[in-house]
Amino acid sequence: VTVGNWADLTGGAVGYTGNMNGAVTDVANVMTAGVTVRVGDNSYRVGGLIGGSFYYDAFAEYIPTPTVFSLTNCATDGAVEAGENSTAVGAVIGYAYQLESKNVTTTMEIMPIGQE
């Protein structure tokens, strides 16, 4: 997965997950193997599996809180490469709101773009 600068909600499997009505979405038995997620400068909420919980201030009237999800029996393997000034970058999830997880593993490497 390769995305340019200012990427948001980028993941090795999905960009974001969760219900917009506050209910918890169960994500189970999902694996990424040998995946490279590469985002450019100033990117946000980037993960080896899921970018994160969906939320934007512009939609706060309709979606007042970030989406919520849980992870069970999930795994990631590969690399996440992020450009300068990128934030909320993770081996499994970039950002999660009220996450519950069980049996989640990773061998994902996180590094700046261009570093081997």
PDB file of N, CA and C in Angstrom:
ATOM      1  N   VAL A   1       0.862  -1.157   0.000  1.00  0.00           N
ATOM      2  CA  VAL A   1       0.000   0.000   0.000  1.00  0.00           C
ATOM      3  C   VAL A   1       0.908   1.219   0.000  1.00  0.00           C
ATOM      4  N   THR A   2       0.828   2.042  -1.024  1.00  0.00           N
ATOM      5  CA  THR A   2       1.641   3.252  -1.105  1.00  0.00           C
ATOM      6  C   THR A   2       0.736   4.450  -1.353  1.00  0.00           C
ATOM      7  N   VAL A   3       0.875   5.454  -0.498  1.00  0.00           N
ATOM      8  CA  VAL A   3       0.049   6.651  -0.575  1.00  0.00           C
ATOM      9  C   VAL A   3       0.979   7.862  -0.460  1.00  0.00           C
ATOM     10  N   GLY A   4       0.613   8.969  -1.046  1.00  0.00           N
ATOM     11  CA  GLY A   4       1.439  10.169  -1.015  1.00  0.00           C
ATOM     12  C   GLY A   4       1.354  10.936   0.299  1.00  0.00           C
ATOM     13  N   ASN A   5       1.743  12.192   0.252  1.00  0.00           N
ATOM     14  CA  ASN A   5       1.731  13.061   1.426  1.00  0.00           C
ATOM     15  C   ASN A   5       0.312  13.319   1.920  1.00  0.00           C
ATOM     16  N   TRP A   6       0.205  13.649   3.196  1.00  0.00           N
ATOM     17  CA  TRP A   6      -1.053  13.989   3.855  1.00  0.00           C
ATOM     18  C   TRP A   6      -2.060  12.843   3.857  1.00  0.00           C
ATOM     19  N   ALA A   7      -1.598  11.615   3.844  1.00  0.00           N
ATOM     20  CA  ALA A   7      -2.498  10.455   3.893  1.00  0.00           C
ATOM     21  C   ALA A   7      -3.147  10.381   5.276  1.00  0.00           C
ATOM     22  N   ASP A   8      -4.348   9.887   5.324  1.00  0.00           N
ATOM     23  CA  ASP A   8      -5.058   9.738   6.597  1.00  0.00           C
ATOM     24  C   ASP A   8      -5.856   8.443   6.549  1.00  0.00           C
ATOM     25  N   LEU A   9      -5.920   7.757   7.685  1.00  0.00           N
ATOM     26  CA  LEU A   9      -6.667   6.508   7.801  1.00  0.00           C
ATOM     27  C   LEU A   9      -6.233   5.498   6.743  1.00  0.00           C
ATOM     28  N   THR A  10      -4.955   5.133   6.795  1.00  0.00           N
ATOM     29  CA  THR A  10      -4.382   4.188   5.846  1.00  0.00           C
ATOM     30  C   THR A  10      -3.928   2.941   6.594  1.00  0.00           C
ATOM     31  N   GLY A  11      -4.367   1.765   6.153  1.00  0.00           N
ATOM     32  CA  GLY A  11      -3.976   0.522   6.806  1.00  0.00           C
ATOM     33  C   GLY A  11      -3.633  -0.560   5.811  1.00  0.00           C
ATOM     34  N   GLY A  12      -2.952  -1.599   6.298  1.00  0.00           N
ATOM     35  CA  GLY A  12      -2.582  -2.725   5.462  1.00  0.00           C
ATOM     36  C   GLY A  12      -3.776  -3.547   5.014  1.00  0.00           C
ATOM     37  N   ALA A  13      -4.862  -3.524   5.770  1.00  0.00           N
ATOM     38  CA  ALA A  13      -6.088  -4.238   5.400  1.00  0.00           C
ATOM     39  C   ALA A  13      -7.228  -3.259   5.127  1.00  0.00           C
ATOM     40  N   VAL A  14      -7.461  -2.320   6.037  1.00  0.00           N
ATOM     41  CA  VAL A  14      -8.526  -1.321   5.867  1.00  0.00           C
ATOM     42  C   VAL A  14      -8.080   0.025   6.411  1.00  0.00           C
ATOM     43  N   GLY A  15      -8.681   1.074   5.898  1.00  0.00           N
ATOM     44  CA  GLY A  15      -8.366   2.420   6.365  1.00  0.00           C
ATOM     45  C   GLY A  15      -8.967   2.706   7.732  1.00  0.00           C
ATOM     46  N   TYR A  16     -10.272   2.462   7.865  1.00  0.00           N
ATOM     47  CA  TYR A  16     -10.918   2.647   9.164  1.00  0.00           C
ATOM     48  C   TYR A  16     -11.987   1.591   9.349  1.00  0.00           C
ATOM     49  N   THR A  17     -12.387   1.420  10.596  1.00  0.00           N
ATOM     50  CA  THR A  17     -13.467   0.496  10.897  1.00  0.00           C
ATOM     51  C   THR A  17     -14.240   1.025  12.095  1.00  0.00           C
ATOM     52  N   GLY A  18     -15.384   0.450  12.343  1.00  0.00           N
ATOM     53  CA  GLY A  18     -16.217   0.847  13.469  1.00  0.00           C
ATOM     54  C   GLY A  18     -17.560   1.364  13.000  1.00  0.00           C
ATOM     55  N   ASN A  19     -18.552   1.239  13.872  1.00  0.00           N
ATOM     56  CA  ASN A  19     -19.891   1.743  13.581  1.00  0.00           C
ATOM     57  C   ASN A  19     -19.976   3.216  13.930  1.00  0.00           C
ATOM     58  N   MET A  20     -20.759   3.924  13.177  1.00  0.00           N
ATOM     59  CA  MET A  20     -20.924   5.349  13.424  1.00  0.00           C
ATOM     60  C   MET A  20     -22.030   5.620  14.434  1.00  0.00           C
ATOM     61  N   ASN A  21     -22.660   4.561  14.951  1.00  0.00           N
ATOM     62  CA  ASN A  21     -23.736   4.728  15.924  1.00  0.00           C
ATOM     63  C   ASN A  21     -23.276   4.448  17.356  1.00  0.00           C
ATOM     64  N   GLY A  22     -21.960   4.253  17.546  1.00  0.00           N
ATOM     65  CA  GLY A  22     -21.431   4.020  18.882  1.00  0.00           C
ATOM     66  C   GLY A  22     -21.285   2.558  19.252  1.00  0.00           C
ATOM     67  N   ALA A  23     -21.883   1.654  18.470  1.00  0.00           N
ATOM     68  CA  ALA A  23     -21.742   0.221  18.751  1.00  0.00           C
ATOM     69  C   ALA A  23     -20.335  -0.242  18.377  1.00  0.00           C
ATOM     70  N   VAL A  24     -19.846  -1.247  19.082  1.00  0.00           N
ATOM     71  CA  VAL A  24     -18.508  -1.782  18.826  1.00  0.00           C
ATOM     72  C   VAL A  24     -18.541  -2.728  17.635  1.00  0.00           C
ATOM     73  N   THR A  25     -17.625  -2.537  16.700  1.00  0.00           N
ATOM     74  CA  THR A  25     -17.447  -3.449  15.577  1.00  0.00           C
ATOM     75  C   THR A  25     -16.388  -4.456  15.962  1.00  0.00           C
ATOM     76  N   ASP A  26     -16.679  -5.742  15.840  1.00  0.00           N
ATOM     77  CA  ASP A  26     -15.717  -6.786  16.169  1.00  0.00           C
ATOM     78  C   ASP A  26     -14.914  -7.144  14.925  1.00  0.00           C
ATOM     79  N   VAL A  27     -13.598  -6.968  15.000  1.00  0.00           N
ATOM     80  CA  VAL A  27     -12.683  -7.362  13.932  1.00  0.00           C
ATOM     81  C   VAL A  27     -11.951  -8.595  14.434  1.00  0.00           C
ATOM     82  N   ALA A  28     -12.127  -9.721  13.764  1.00  0.00           N
ATOM     83  CA  ALA A  28     -11.547 -10.972  14.253  1.00  0.00           C
ATOM     84  C   ALA A  28     -10.898 -11.766  13.130  1.00  0.00           C
ATOM     85  N   ASN A  29      -9.799 -12.440  13.492  1.00  0.00           N
ATOM     86  CA  ASN A  29      -9.121 -13.367  12.595  1.00  0.00           C
ATOM     87  C   ASN A  29      -8.653 -12.720  11.287  1.00  0.00           C
ATOM     88  N   VAL A  30      -8.084 -11.522  11.391  1.00  0.00           N
ATOM     89  CA  VAL A  30      -7.557 -10.816  10.224  1.00  0.00           C
ATOM     90  C   VAL A  30      -6.042 -10.755  10.355  1.00  0.00           C
ATOM     91  N   MET A  31      -5.352 -11.086   9.265  1.00  0.00           N
ATOM     92  CA  MET A  31      -3.888 -11.073   9.272  1.00  0.00           C
ATOM     93  C   MET A  31      -3.378 -10.358   8.031  1.00  0.00           C
ATOM     94  N   THR A  32      -2.278  -9.628   8.206  1.00  0.00           N
ATOM     95  CA  THR A  32      -1.547  -9.103   7.056  1.00  0.00           C
ATOM     96  C   THR A  32      -0.160  -9.727   7.131  1.00  0.00           C
ATOM     97  N   ALA A  33       0.297 -10.297   6.034  1.00  0.00           N
ATOM     98  CA  ALA A  33       1.602 -10.963   6.003  1.00  0.00           C
ATOM     99  C   ALA A  33       2.439 -10.394   4.868  1.00  0.00           C
ATOM    100  N   GLY A  34       3.638  -9.947   5.192  1.00  0.00           N
ATOM    101  CA  GLY A  34       4.536  -9.412   4.183  1.00  0.00           C
ATOM    102  C   GLY A  34       4.051  -8.122   3.550  1.00  0.00           C
ATOM    103  N   VAL A  35       3.259  -7.372   4.269  1.00  0.00           N
ATOM    104  CA  VAL A  35       2.688  -6.133   3.753  1.00  0.00           C
ATOM    105  C   VAL A  35       3.612  -4.954   4.062  1.00  0.00           C
ATOM    106  N   THR A  36       3.742  -4.052   3.099  1.00  0.00           N
ATOM    107  CA  THR A  36       4.415  -2.784   3.350  1.00  0.00           C
ATOM    108  C   THR A  36       3.401  -1.671   3.146  1.00  0.00           C
ATOM    109  N   VAL A  37       3.230  -0.867   4.182  1.00  0.00           N
ATOM    110  CA  VAL A  37       2.367   0.303   4.118  1.00  0.00           C
ATOM    111  C   VAL A  37       3.304   1.504   4.092  1.00  0.00           C
ATOM    112  N   ARG A  38       3.245   2.293   3.034  1.00  0.00           N
ATOM    113  CA  ARG A  38       4.164   3.430   2.873  1.00  0.00           C
ATOM    114  C   ARG A  38       3.337   4.690   2.649  1.00  0.00           C
ATOM    115  N   VAL A  39       3.527   5.675   3.532  1.00  0.00           N
ATOM    116  CA  VAL A  39       2.826   6.949   3.405  1.00  0.00           C
ATOM    117  C   VAL A  39       3.839   8.086   3.372  1.00  0.00           C
ATOM    118  N   GLY A  40       3.467   9.180   2.718  1.00  0.00           N
ATOM    119  CA  GLY A  40       4.348  10.329   2.598  1.00  0.00           C
ATOM    120  C   GLY A  40       4.345  11.201   3.839  1.00  0.00           C
ATOM    121  N   ASP A  41       4.902  12.376   3.684  1.00  0.00           N
ATOM    122  CA  ASP A  41       5.035  13.330   4.790  1.00  0.00           C
ATOM    123  C   ASP A  41       3.674  13.770   5.322  1.00  0.00           C
ATOM    124  N   ASN A  42       3.662  14.152   6.605  1.00  0.00           N
ATOM    125  CA  ASN A  42       2.487  14.725   7.270  1.00  0.00           C
ATOM    126  C   ASN A  42       1.267  13.802   7.243  1.00  0.00           C
ATOM    127  N   SER A  43       1.500  12.506   7.298  1.00  0.00           N
ATOM    128  CA  SER A  43       0.392  11.549   7.297  1.00  0.00           C
ATOM    129  C   SER A  43      -0.067  11.277   8.727  1.00  0.00           C
ATOM    130  N   TYR A  44      -1.273  10.731   8.878  1.00  0.00           N
ATOM    131  CA  TYR A  44      -1.903  10.599  10.182  1.00  0.00           C
ATOM    132  C   TYR A  44      -2.763   9.338  10.211  1.00  0.00           C
ATOM    133  N   ARG A  45      -2.743   8.622  11.312  1.00  0.00           N
ATOM    134  CA  ARG A  45      -3.532   7.408  11.533  1.00  0.00           C
ATOM    135  C   ARG A  45      -3.210   6.346  10.488  1.00  0.00           C
ATOM    136  N   VAL A  46      -2.021   5.769  10.625  1.00  0.00           N
ATOM    137  CA  VAL A  46      -1.499   4.777   9.688  1.00  0.00           C
ATOM    138  C   VAL A  46      -1.148   3.515  10.462  1.00  0.00           C
ATOM    139  N   GLY A  47      -1.647   2.342  10.039  1.00  0.00           N
ATOM    140  CA  GLY A  47      -1.361   1.103  10.748  1.00  0.00           C
ATOM    141  C   GLY A  47      -1.118  -0.071   9.823  1.00  0.00           C
ATOM    142  N   GLY A  48      -0.435  -1.071  10.332  1.00  0.00           N
ATOM    143  CA  GLY A  48      -0.156  -2.269   9.566  1.00  0.00           C
ATOM    144  C   GLY A  48      -1.396  -3.079   9.248  1.00  0.00           C
ATOM    145  N   LEU A  49      -2.446  -2.919  10.044  1.00  0.00           N
ATOM    146  CA  LEU A  49      -3.716  -3.611   9.830  1.00  0.00           C
ATOM    147  C   LEU A  49      -4.837  -2.605   9.528  1.00  0.00           C
ATOM    148  N   ILE A  50      -5.017  -1.655  10.449  1.00  0.00           N
ATOM    149  CA  ILE A  50      -6.099  -0.670  10.351  1.00  0.00           C
ATOM    150  C   ILE A  50      -5.535   0.725  10.591  1.00  0.00           C
ATOM    151  N   GLY A  51      -5.951   1.682   9.772  1.00  0.00           N
ATOM    152  CA  GLY A  51      -5.533   3.063   9.974  1.00  0.00           C
ATOM    153  C   GLY A  51      -6.053   3.602  11.295  1.00  0.00           C
ATOM    154  N   GLY A  52      -7.341   3.403  11.574  1.00  0.00           N
ATOM    155  CA  GLY A  52      -7.855   3.857  12.862  1.00  0.00           C
ATOM    156  C   GLY A  52      -9.350   3.997  12.937  1.00  0.00           C
ATOM    157  N   SER A  53      -9.755   4.663  14.005  1.00  0.00           N
ATOM    158  CA  SER A  53     -11.154   4.995  14.234  1.00  0.00           C
ATOM    159  C   SER A  53     -11.504   6.213  13.390  1.00  0.00           C
ATOM    160  N   PHE A  54     -12.686   6.187  12.768  1.00  0.00           N
ATOM    161  CA  PHE A  54     -13.103   7.311  11.927  1.00  0.00           C
ATOM    162  C   PHE A  54     -13.577   8.462  12.793  1.00  0.00           C
ATOM    163  N   TYR A  55     -13.046   9.643  12.564  1.00  0.00           N
ATOM    164  CA  TYR A  55     -13.535  10.864  13.204  1.00  0.00           C
ATOM    165  C   TYR A  55     -12.911  12.069  12.525  1.00  0.00           C
ATOM    166  N   TYR A  56     -13.726  13.067  12.226  1.00  0.00           N
ATOM    167  CA  TYR A  56     -13.273  14.366  11.725  1.00  0.00           C
ATOM    168  C   TYR A  56     -14.133  15.444  12.373  1.00  0.00           C
ATOM    169  N   ASP A  57     -13.514  16.527  12.794  1.00  0.00           N
ATOM    170  CA  ASP A  57     -14.261  17.641  13.382  1.00  0.00           C
ATOM    171  C   ASP A  57     -15.376  18.119  12.455  1.00  0.00           C
ATOM    172  N   ALA A  58     -15.139  18.115  11.161  1.00  0.00           N
ATOM    173  CA  ALA A  58     -16.128  18.598  10.194  1.00  0.00           C
ATOM    174  C   ALA A  58     -17.425  17.782  10.224  1.00  0.00           C
ATOM    175  N   PHE A  59     -17.347  16.527  10.676  1.00  0.00           N
ATOM    176  CA  PHE A  59     -18.528  15.659  10.736  1.00  0.00           C
ATOM    177  C   PHE A  59     -19.057  15.476  12.160  1.00  0.00           C
ATOM    178  N   ALA A  60     -18.564  16.253  13.099  1.00  0.00           N
ATOM    179  CA  ALA A  60     -18.919  16.072  14.512  1.00  0.00           C
ATOM    180  C   ALA A  60     -20.423  16.191  14.760  1.00  0.00           C
ATOM    181  N   GLU A  61     -21.112  16.968  13.969  1.00  0.00           N
ATOM    182  CA  GLU A  61     -22.558  17.094  14.118  1.00  0.00           C
ATOM    183  C   GLU A  61     -23.255  15.757  13.873  1.00  0.00           C
ATOM    184  N   TYR A  62     -22.705  14.954  12.956  1.00  0.00           N
ATOM    185  CA  TYR A  62     -23.305  13.676  12.572  1.00  0.00           C
ATOM    186  C   TYR A  62     -22.667  12.482  13.279  1.00  0.00           C
ATOM    187  N   ILE A  63     -21.383  12.595  13.542  1.00  0.00           N
ATOM    188  CA  ILE A  63     -20.631  11.527  14.206  1.00  0.00           C
ATOM    189  C   ILE A  63     -19.873  12.181  15.370  1.00  0.00           C
ATOM    190  N   PRO A  64     -20.511  12.309  16.534  1.00  0.00           N
ATOM    191  CA  PRO A  64     -19.916  13.082  17.628  1.00  0.00           C
ATOM    192  C   PRO A  64     -18.701  12.440  18.313  1.00  0.00           C
ATOM    193  N   THR A  65     -18.537  11.130  18.178  1.00  0.00           N
ATOM    194  CA  THR A  65     -17.371  10.465  18.770  1.00  0.00           C
ATOM    195  C   THR A  65     -16.733   9.564  17.718  1.00  0.00           C
ATOM    196  N   PRO A  66     -15.439   9.258  17.882  1.00  0.00           N
ATOM    197  CA  PRO A  66     -14.792   8.338  16.940  1.00  0.00           C
ATOM    198  C   PRO A  66     -15.466   6.968  16.948  1.00  0.00           C
ATOM    199  N   THR A  67     -15.355   6.249  15.839  1.00  0.00           N
ATOM    200  CA  THR A  67     -15.899   4.893  15.784  1.00  0.00           C
ATOM    201  C   THR A  67     -15.115   3.989  16.736  1.00  0.00           C
ATOM    202  N   VAL A  68     -15.777   2.948  17.227  1.00  0.00           N
ATOM    203  CA  VAL A  68     -15.188   2.042  18.216  1.00  0.00           C
ATOM    204  C   VAL A  68     -15.131   0.636  17.622  1.00  0.00           C
ATOM    205  N   PHE A  69     -14.022  -0.060  17.872  1.00  0.00           N
ATOM    206  CA  PHE A  69     -13.898  -1.430  17.402  1.00  0.00           C
ATOM    207  C   PHE A  69     -13.066  -2.246  18.378  1.00  0.00           C
ATOM    208  N   SER A  70     -13.139  -3.571  18.238  1.00  0.00           N
ATOM    209  CA  SER A  70     -12.323  -4.483  19.041  1.00  0.00           C
ATOM    210  C   SER A  70     -11.553  -5.387  18.083  1.00  0.00           C
ATOM    211  N   LEU A  71     -10.416  -5.888  18.550  1.00  0.00           N
ATOM    212  CA  LEU A  71      -9.590  -6.813  17.762  1.00  0.00           C
ATOM    213  C   LEU A  71      -9.432  -8.117  18.520  1.00  0.00           C
ATOM    214  N   THR A  72      -9.623  -9.242  17.824  1.00  0.00           N
ATOM    215  CA  THR A  72      -9.425 -10.564  18.410  1.00  0.00           C
ATOM    216  C   THR A  72      -8.725 -11.450  17.393  1.00  0.00           C
ATOM    217  N   ASN A  73      -7.677 -12.130  17.833  1.00  0.00           N
ATOM    218  CA  ASN A  73      -6.938 -13.076  16.988  1.00  0.00           C
ATOM    219  C   ASN A  73      -6.475 -12.440  15.676  1.00  0.00           C
ATOM    220  N   CYS A  74      -5.803 -11.318  15.762  1.00  0.00           N
ATOM    221  CA  CYS A  74      -5.299 -10.625  14.579  1.00  0.00           C
ATOM    222  C   CYS A  74      -3.779 -10.559  14.630  1.00  0.00           C
ATOM    223  N   ALA A  75      -3.147 -10.446  13.456  1.00  0.00           N
ATOM    224  CA  ALA A  75      -1.685 -10.393  13.404  1.00  0.00           C
ATOM    225  C   ALA A  75      -1.231  -9.567  12.207  1.00  0.00           C
ATOM    226  N   THR A  76      -0.067  -8.935  12.353  1.00  0.00           N
ATOM    227  CA  THR A  76       0.526  -8.182  11.254  1.00  0.00           C
ATOM    228  C   THR A  76       1.981  -8.576  11.096  1.00  0.00           C
ATOM    229  N   ASP A  77       2.450  -8.514   9.845  1.00  0.00           N
ATOM    230  CA  ASP A  77       3.841  -8.811   9.524  1.00  0.00           C
ATOM    231  C   ASP A  77       4.224  -7.975   8.314  1.00  0.00           C
ATOM    232  N   GLY A  78       5.383  -7.350   8.363  1.00  0.00           N
ATOM    233  CA  GLY A  78       5.848  -6.534   7.246  1.00  0.00           C
ATOM    234  C   GLY A  78       6.476  -5.260   7.743  1.00  0.00           C
ATOM    235  N   ALA A  79       6.116  -4.132   7.118  1.00  0.00           N
ATOM    236  CA  ALA A  79       6.707  -2.855   7.494  1.00  0.00           C
ATOM    237  C   ALA A  79       5.727  -1.712   7.275  1.00  0.00           C
ATOM    238  N   VAL A  80       5.841  -0.711   8.137  1.00  0.00           N
ATOM    239  CA  VAL A  80       5.147   0.556   7.963  1.00  0.00           C
ATOM    240  C   VAL A  80       6.233   1.604   7.806  1.00  0.00           C
ATOM    241  N   GLU A  81       6.208   2.320   6.677  1.00  0.00           N
ATOM    242  CA  GLU A  81       7.179   3.375   6.412  1.00  0.00           C
ATOM    243  C   GLU A  81       6.418   4.689   6.309  1.00  0.00           C
ATOM    244  N   ALA A  82       6.840   5.669   7.109  1.00  0.00           N
ATOM    245  CA  ALA A  82       6.131   6.941   7.142  1.00  0.00           C
ATOM    246  C   ALA A  82       7.083   8.102   6.882  1.00  0.00           C
ATOM    247  N   GLY A  83       6.582   9.101   6.173  1.00  0.00           N
ATOM    248  CA  GLY A  83       7.358  10.293   5.869  1.00  0.00           C
ATOM    249  C   GLY A  83       7.490  11.208   7.074  1.00  0.00           C
ATOM    250  N   GLU A  84       8.195  12.297   6.879  1.00  0.00           N
ATOM    251  CA  GLU A  84       8.444  13.262   7.949  1.00  0.00           C
ATOM    252  C   GLU A  84       7.144  13.841   8.491  1.00  0.00           C
ATOM    253  N   ASN A  85       7.150  14.142   9.788  1.00  0.00           N
ATOM    254  CA  ASN A  85       6.029  14.762  10.492  1.00  0.00           C
ATOM    255  C   ASN A  85       4.752  13.924  10.484  1.00  0.00           C
ATOM    256  N   SER A  86       4.872  12.630  10.256  1.00  0.00           N
ATOM    257  CA  SER A  86       3.701  11.753  10.324  1.00  0.00           C
ATOM    258  C   SER A  86       3.450  11.385  11.781  1.00  0.00           C
ATOM    259  N   THR A  87       2.175  11.274  12.150  1.00  0.00           N
ATOM    260  CA  THR A  87       1.814  10.975  13.531  1.00  0.00           C
ATOM    261  C   THR A  87       0.776   9.861  13.582  1.00  0.00           C
ATOM    262  N   ALA A  88       0.607   9.272  14.756  1.00  0.00           N
ATOM    263  CA  ALA A  88      -0.327   8.169  14.969  1.00  0.00           C
ATOM    264  C   ALA A  88      -0.040   7.043  13.979  1.00  0.00           C
ATOM    265  N   VAL A  89       1.200   6.563  14.005  1.00  0.00           N
ATOM    266  CA  VAL A  89       1.659   5.480  13.136  1.00  0.00           C
ATOM    267  C   VAL A  89       1.909   4.259  14.009  1.00  0.00           C
ATOM    268  N   GLY A  90       1.305   3.113  13.674  1.00  0.00           N
ATOM    269  CA  GLY A  90       1.462   1.936  14.507  1.00  0.00           C
ATOM    270  C   GLY A  90       1.626   0.649  13.720  1.00  0.00           C
ATOM    271  N   ALA A  91       2.186  -0.351  14.369  1.00  0.00           N
ATOM    272  CA  ALA A  91       2.412  -1.656  13.743  1.00  0.00           C
ATOM    273  C   ALA A  91       1.098  -2.384  13.469  1.00  0.00           C
ATOM    274  N   VAL A  92       0.090  -2.148  14.293  1.00  0.00           N
ATOM    275  CA  VAL A  92      -1.213  -2.782  14.106  1.00  0.00           C
ATOM    276  C   VAL A  92      -2.257  -1.725  13.737  1.00  0.00           C
ATOM    277  N   ILE A  93      -2.367  -0.684  14.560  1.00  0.00           N
ATOM    278  CA  ILE A  93      -3.362   0.375  14.372  1.00  0.00           C
ATOM    279  C   ILE A  93      -2.678   1.727  14.528  1.00  0.00           C
ATOM    280  N   GLY A  94      -3.088   2.686  13.719  1.00  0.00           N
ATOM    281  CA  GLY A  94      -2.564   4.037  13.884  1.00  0.00           C
ATOM    282  C   GLY A  94      -3.210   4.755  15.053  1.00  0.00           C
ATOM    283  N   TYR A  95      -4.519   4.672  15.171  1.00  0.00           N
ATOM    284  CA  TYR A  95      -5.257   5.323  16.249  1.00  0.00           C
ATOM    285  C   TYR A  95      -6.531   4.536  16.515  1.00  0.00           C
ATOM    286  N   ALA A  96      -6.811   4.291  17.785  1.00  0.00           N
ATOM    287  CA  ALA A  96      -8.046   3.594  18.143  1.00  0.00           C
ATOM    288  C   ALA A  96      -8.697   4.283  19.330  1.00  0.00           C
ATOM    289  N   TYR A  97      -9.998   4.404  19.281  1.00  0.00           N
ATOM    290  CA  TYR A  97     -10.776   5.013  20.344  1.00  0.00           C
ATOM    291  C   TYR A  97     -11.443   3.907  21.148  1.00  0.00           C
ATOM    292  N   GLN A  98     -11.133   3.832  22.424  1.00  0.00           N
ATOM    293  CA  GLN A  98     -11.700   2.830  23.336  1.00  0.00           C
ATOM    294  C   GLN A  98     -11.552   1.403  22.801  1.00  0.00           C
ATOM    295  N   LEU A  99     -10.356   1.054  22.382  1.00  0.00           N
ATOM    296  CA  LEU A  99     -10.081  -0.263  21.811  1.00  0.00           C
ATOM    297  C   LEU A  99     -10.019  -1.347  22.883  1.00  0.00           C
ATOM    298  N   GLU A 100     -10.592  -2.488  22.570  1.00  0.00           N
ATOM    299  CA  GLU A 100     -10.404  -3.709  23.349  1.00  0.00           C
ATOM    300  C   GLU A 100      -9.732  -4.707  22.418  1.00  0.00           C
ATOM    301  N   SER A 101      -8.668  -5.365  22.903  1.00  0.00           N
ATOM    302  CA  SER A 101      -7.978  -6.327  22.048  1.00  0.00           C
ATOM    303  C   SER A 101      -7.625  -7.586  22.824  1.00  0.00           C
ATOM    304  N   LYS A 102      -7.560  -8.706  22.082  1.00  0.00           N
ATOM    305  CA  LYS A 102      -7.217  -9.992  22.674  1.00  0.00           C
ATOM    306  C   LYS A 102      -6.482 -10.814  21.628  1.00  0.00           C
ATOM    307  N   ASN A 103      -5.317 -11.337  21.999  1.00  0.00           N
ATOM    308  CA  ASN A 103      -4.521 -12.192  21.129  1.00  0.00           C
ATOM    309  C   ASN A 103      -4.169 -11.498  19.807  1.00  0.00           C
ATOM    310  N   VAL A 104      -3.550 -10.333  19.931  1.00  0.00           N
ATOM    311  CA  VAL A 104      -3.099  -9.567  18.769  1.00  0.00           C
ATOM    312  C   VAL A 104      -1.576  -9.549  18.787  1.00  0.00           C
ATOM    313  N   THR A 105      -0.952  -9.951  17.672  1.00  0.00           N
ATOM    314  CA  THR A 105       0.511 -10.011  17.609  1.00  0.00           C
ATOM    315  C   THR A 105       1.019  -9.270  16.378  1.00  0.00           C
ATOM    316  N   THR A 106       2.302  -8.891  16.443  1.00  0.00           N
ATOM    317  CA  THR A 106       2.901  -8.219  15.296  1.00  0.00           C
ATOM    318  C   THR A 106       4.399  -8.471  15.224  1.00  0.00           C
ATOM    319  N   THR A 107       4.898  -8.544  14.011  1.00  0.00           N
ATOM    320  CA  THR A 107       6.338  -8.518  13.748  1.00  0.00           C
ATOM    321  C   THR A 107       6.608  -7.390  12.751  1.00  0.00           C
ATOM    322  N   MET A 108       5.688  -6.452  12.684  1.00  0.00           N
ATOM    323  CA  MET A 108       5.775  -5.310  11.778  1.00  0.00           C
ATOM    324  C   MET A 108       6.873  -4.356  12.236  1.00  0.00           C
ATOM    325  N   GLU A 109       7.678  -3.878  11.298  1.00  0.00           N
ATOM    326  CA  GLU A 109       8.682  -2.855  11.590  1.00  0.00           C
ATOM    327  C   GLU A 109       8.122  -1.495  11.231  1.00  0.00           C
ATOM    328  N   ILE A 110       8.461  -0.491  12.033  1.00  0.00           N
ATOM    329  CA  ILE A 110       8.058   0.882  11.747  1.00  0.00           C
ATOM    330  C   ILE A 110       9.328   1.676  11.508  1.00  0.00           C
ATOM    331  N   MET A 111       9.387   2.400  10.377  1.00  0.00           N
ATOM    332  CA  MET A 111      10.603   3.140  10.050  1.00  0.00           C
ATOM    333  C   MET A 111      10.294   4.329   9.154  1.00  0.00           C
ATOM    334  N   PRO A 112      11.219   5.299   9.126  1.00  0.00           N
ATOM    335  CA  PRO A 112      11.061   6.404   8.182  1.00  0.00           C
ATOM    336  C   PRO A 112      11.221   5.903   6.747  1.00  0.00           C
ATOM    337  N   ILE A 113      10.603   6.561   5.805  1.00  0.00           N
ATOM    338  CA  ILE A 113      10.737   6.184   4.400  1.00  0.00           C
ATOM    339  C   ILE A 113      12.204   6.226   4.003  1.00  0.00           C
ATOM    340  N   GLY A 114      12.604   5.195   3.261  1.00  0.00           N
ATOM    341  CA  GLY A 114      13.971   5.129   2.757  1.00  0.00           C
ATOM    342  C   GLY A 114      14.968   4.453   3.681  1.00  0.00           C
ATOM    343  N   GLN A 115      14.551   4.116   4.888  1.00  0.00           N
ATOM    344  CA  GLN A 115      15.465   3.446   5.821  1.00  0.00           C
ATOM    345  C   GLN A 115      15.295   1.946   5.677  1.00  0.00           C
ATOM    346  N   GLU A 116      16.380   1.224   5.578  1.00  0.00           N
ATOM    347  CA  GLU A 116      16.328  -0.240   5.446  1.00  0.00           C
ATOM    348  C   GLU A 116      16.660  -0.881   6.770  1.00  0.00           C
TER     349      GLU A 116
END
